[in-house]
Amino acid sequence: DAFARAYAALEINERFGDLRRSEECMTVIAYAEFFRGDLAASGRAWAHVRKSAEARRDDQTRVWSIVGECILAYARGRMDEAEHALALARGLNMDA
């Protein structure tokens, strides 16, 4: 099962303190939950990615999470939230 493997990978990376890889695992989970139709679970996963990325000051994974939040807002018909998310993403330094 893809979810079991993604969560197992997440647990391994968190145990070893590899937060970047943990964020990558959670990104896979966030997309999978979205395509499965569980927008709430997807939102929780994106929030996890964003919180971790912000703590590490990693703009690349912050952008991933913000784009994920944008996709969720769009799926929920919340265009103002989607536009706000995109504006946040545009303001981050992707060359860092």
C-alpha atoms as a PDB file:
ATOM      1  CA  ASP A   1       0.000   0.000   0.000  1.00  0.00           C
ATOM      2  CA  ALA A   2       1.423   3.351  -1.061  1.00  0.00           C
ATOM      3  CA  PHE A   3       0.216   5.148   2.054  1.00  0.00           C
ATOM      4  CA  ALA A   4       1.814   2.606   4.373  1.00  0.00           C
ATOM      5  CA  ARG A   5       5.116   2.920   2.531  1.00  0.00           C
ATOM      6  CA  ALA A   6       5.013   6.716   2.517  1.00  0.00           C
ATOM      7  CA  TYR A   7       4.260   6.817   6.245  1.00  0.00           C
ATOM      8  CA  ALA A   8       6.996   4.245   6.921  1.00  0.00           C
ATOM      9  CA  ALA A   9       9.490   6.375   4.967  1.00  0.00           C
ATOM     10  CA  LEU A  10       8.312   9.450   6.881  1.00  0.00           C
ATOM     11  CA  GLU A  11       8.865   7.693  10.209  1.00  0.00           C
ATOM     12  CA  ILE A  12      12.352   6.522   9.227  1.00  0.00           C
ATOM     13  CA  ASN A  13      13.424   9.987   8.089  1.00  0.00           C
ATOM     14  CA  GLU A  14      12.013  11.636  11.207  1.00  0.00           C
ATOM     15  CA  ARG A  15      13.781   9.078  13.402  1.00  0.00           C
ATOM     16  CA  PHE A  16      17.095   9.914  11.726  1.00  0.00           C
ATOM     17  CA  GLY A  17      16.397  13.646  11.865  1.00  0.00           C
ATOM     18  CA  ASP A  18      16.307  14.151   8.105  1.00  0.00           C
ATOM     19  CA  LEU A  19      13.622  16.801   8.055  1.00  0.00           C
ATOM     20  CA  ARG A  20      14.046  17.600   4.379  1.00  0.00           C
ATOM     21  CA  ARG A  21      13.321  13.983   3.410  1.00  0.00           C
ATOM     22  CA  SER A  22      10.437  13.962   5.896  1.00  0.00           C
ATOM     23  CA  GLU A  23       8.977  16.952   4.069  1.00  0.00           C
ATOM     24  CA  GLU A  24       9.360  15.128   0.771  1.00  0.00           C
ATOM     25  CA  CYS A  25       7.513  12.103   2.183  1.00  0.00           C
ATOM     26  CA  MET A  26       4.757  14.306   3.551  1.00  0.00           C
ATOM     27  CA  THR A  27       4.469  16.039   0.170  1.00  0.00           C
ATOM     28  CA  VAL A  28       3.787  12.661  -1.452  1.00  0.00           C
ATOM     29  CA  ILE A  29       1.190  11.956   1.223  1.00  0.00           C
ATOM     30  CA  ALA A  30      -0.428  15.369   0.739  1.00  0.00           C
ATOM     31  CA  TYR A  31      -0.848  14.833  -2.996  1.00  0.00           C
ATOM     32  CA  ALA A  32      -2.070  11.261  -2.533  1.00  0.00           C
ATOM     33  CA  GLU A  33      -4.690  12.371  -0.003  1.00  0.00           C
ATOM     34  CA  PHE A  34      -5.786  15.121  -2.369  1.00  0.00           C
ATOM     35  CA  PHE A  35      -6.230  12.748  -5.303  1.00  0.00           C
ATOM     36  CA  ARG A  36      -7.999  10.291  -3.025  1.00  0.00           C
ATOM     37  CA  GLY A  37     -10.455  13.091  -2.252  1.00  0.00           C
ATOM     38  CA  ASP A  38      -9.569  13.629   1.399  1.00  0.00           C
ATOM     39  CA  LEU A  39      -8.994  17.378   1.297  1.00  0.00           C
ATOM     40  CA  ALA A  40      -8.818  17.675   5.085  1.00  0.00           C
ATOM     41  CA  ALA A  41      -6.021  15.088   5.326  1.00  0.00           C
ATOM     42  CA  SER A  42      -4.236  16.745   2.419  1.00  0.00           C
ATOM     43  CA  GLY A  43      -4.491  20.092   4.178  1.00  0.00           C
ATOM     44  CA  ARG A  44      -3.029  18.654   7.375  1.00  0.00           C
ATOM     45  CA  ALA A  45      -0.138  17.170   5.422  1.00  0.00           C
ATOM     46  CA  TRP A  46       0.563  20.463   3.639  1.00  0.00           C
ATOM     47  CA  ALA A  47       0.447  22.301   6.975  1.00  0.00           C
ATOM     48  CA  HIS A  48       3.014  19.823   8.352  1.00  0.00           C
ATOM     49  CA  VAL A  49       5.299  20.443   5.364  1.00  0.00           C
ATOM     50  CA  ARG A  50       4.961  24.197   5.683  1.00  0.00           C
ATOM     51  CA  LYS A  51       5.624  24.273   9.428  1.00  0.00           C
ATOM     52  CA  SER A  52       8.742  22.136   9.044  1.00  0.00           C
ATOM     53  CA  ALA A  53      10.003  24.113   6.049  1.00  0.00           C
ATOM     54  CA  GLU A  54       9.468  27.413   7.831  1.00  0.00           C
ATOM     55  CA  ALA A  55      11.346  26.147  10.882  1.00  0.00           C
ATOM     56  CA  ARG A  56      14.252  25.156   8.628  1.00  0.00           C
ATOM     57  CA  ARG A  57      13.924  28.330   6.525  1.00  0.00           C
ATOM     58  CA  ASP A  58      13.759  26.261   3.354  1.00  0.00           C
ATOM     59  CA  ASP A  59      11.982  28.335   0.737  1.00  0.00           C
ATOM     60  CA  GLN A  60      11.793  25.496  -1.779  1.00  0.00           C
ATOM     61  CA  THR A  61       9.692  23.230   0.402  1.00  0.00           C
ATOM     62  CA  ARG A  62       7.757  26.243   1.672  1.00  0.00           C
ATOM     63  CA  VAL A  63       6.760  26.898  -1.941  1.00  0.00           C
ATOM     64  CA  TRP A  64       5.696  23.249  -2.335  1.00  0.00           C
ATOM     65  CA  SER A  65       3.413  23.571   0.679  1.00  0.00           C
ATOM     66  CA  ILE A  66       2.001  26.910  -0.414  1.00  0.00           C
ATOM     67  CA  VAL A  67       1.255  25.574  -3.898  1.00  0.00           C
ATOM     68  CA  GLY A  68      -0.448  22.606  -2.235  1.00  0.00           C
ATOM     69  CA  GLU A  69      -2.545  25.012  -0.175  1.00  0.00           C
ATOM     70  CA  CYS A  70      -3.362  26.875  -3.385  1.00  0.00           C
ATOM     71  CA  ILE A  71      -4.562  23.676  -5.057  1.00  0.00           C
ATOM     72  CA  LEU A  72      -6.737  22.899  -2.040  1.00  0.00           C
ATOM     73  CA  ALA A  73      -8.212  26.392  -2.007  1.00  0.00           C
ATOM     74  CA  TYR A  74      -8.981  26.120  -5.708  1.00  0.00           C
ATOM     75  CA  ALA A  75     -10.618  22.704  -5.225  1.00  0.00           C
ATOM     76  CA  ARG A  76     -12.807  24.209  -2.514  1.00  0.00           C
ATOM     77  CA  GLY A  77     -13.778  27.150  -4.724  1.00  0.00           C
ATOM     78  CA  ARG A  78     -11.899  29.670  -2.582  1.00  0.00           C
ATOM     79  CA  MET A  79     -10.243  31.716  -5.298  1.00  0.00           C
ATOM     80  CA  ASP A  80      -9.173  34.562  -2.980  1.00  0.00           C
ATOM     81  CA  GLU A  81      -7.256  32.080  -0.806  1.00  0.00           C
ATOM     82  CA  ALA A  82      -5.693  30.505  -3.893  1.00  0.00           C
ATOM     83  CA  GLU A  83      -4.525  33.898  -5.185  1.00  0.00           C
ATOM     84  CA  HIS A  84      -3.162  34.822  -1.762  1.00  0.00           C
ATOM     85  CA  ALA A  85      -1.201  31.542  -1.610  1.00  0.00           C
ATOM     86  CA  LEU A  86       0.296  32.173  -5.039  1.00  0.00           C
ATOM     87  CA  ALA A  87       1.316  35.676  -4.017  1.00  0.00           C
ATOM     88  CA  LEU A  88       3.102  34.230  -0.977  1.00  0.00           C
ATOM     89  CA  ALA A  89       4.931  31.707  -3.132  1.00  0.00           C
ATOM     90  CA  ARG A  90       6.031  34.374  -5.604  1.00  0.00           C
ATOM     91  CA  GLY A  91       7.622  36.357  -2.785  1.00  0.00           C
ATOM     92  CA  LEU A  92       9.960  33.586  -1.675  1.00  0.00           C
ATOM     93  CA  ASN A  93      13.597  33.304  -2.718  1.00  0.00           C
ATOM     94  CA  MET A  94      13.894  30.161  -4.812  1.00  0.00           C
ATOM     95  CA  ASP A  95      17.592  30.783  -5.509  1.00  0.00           C
ATOM     96  CA  ALA A  96      18.611  30.286  -1.875  1.00  0.00           C
END
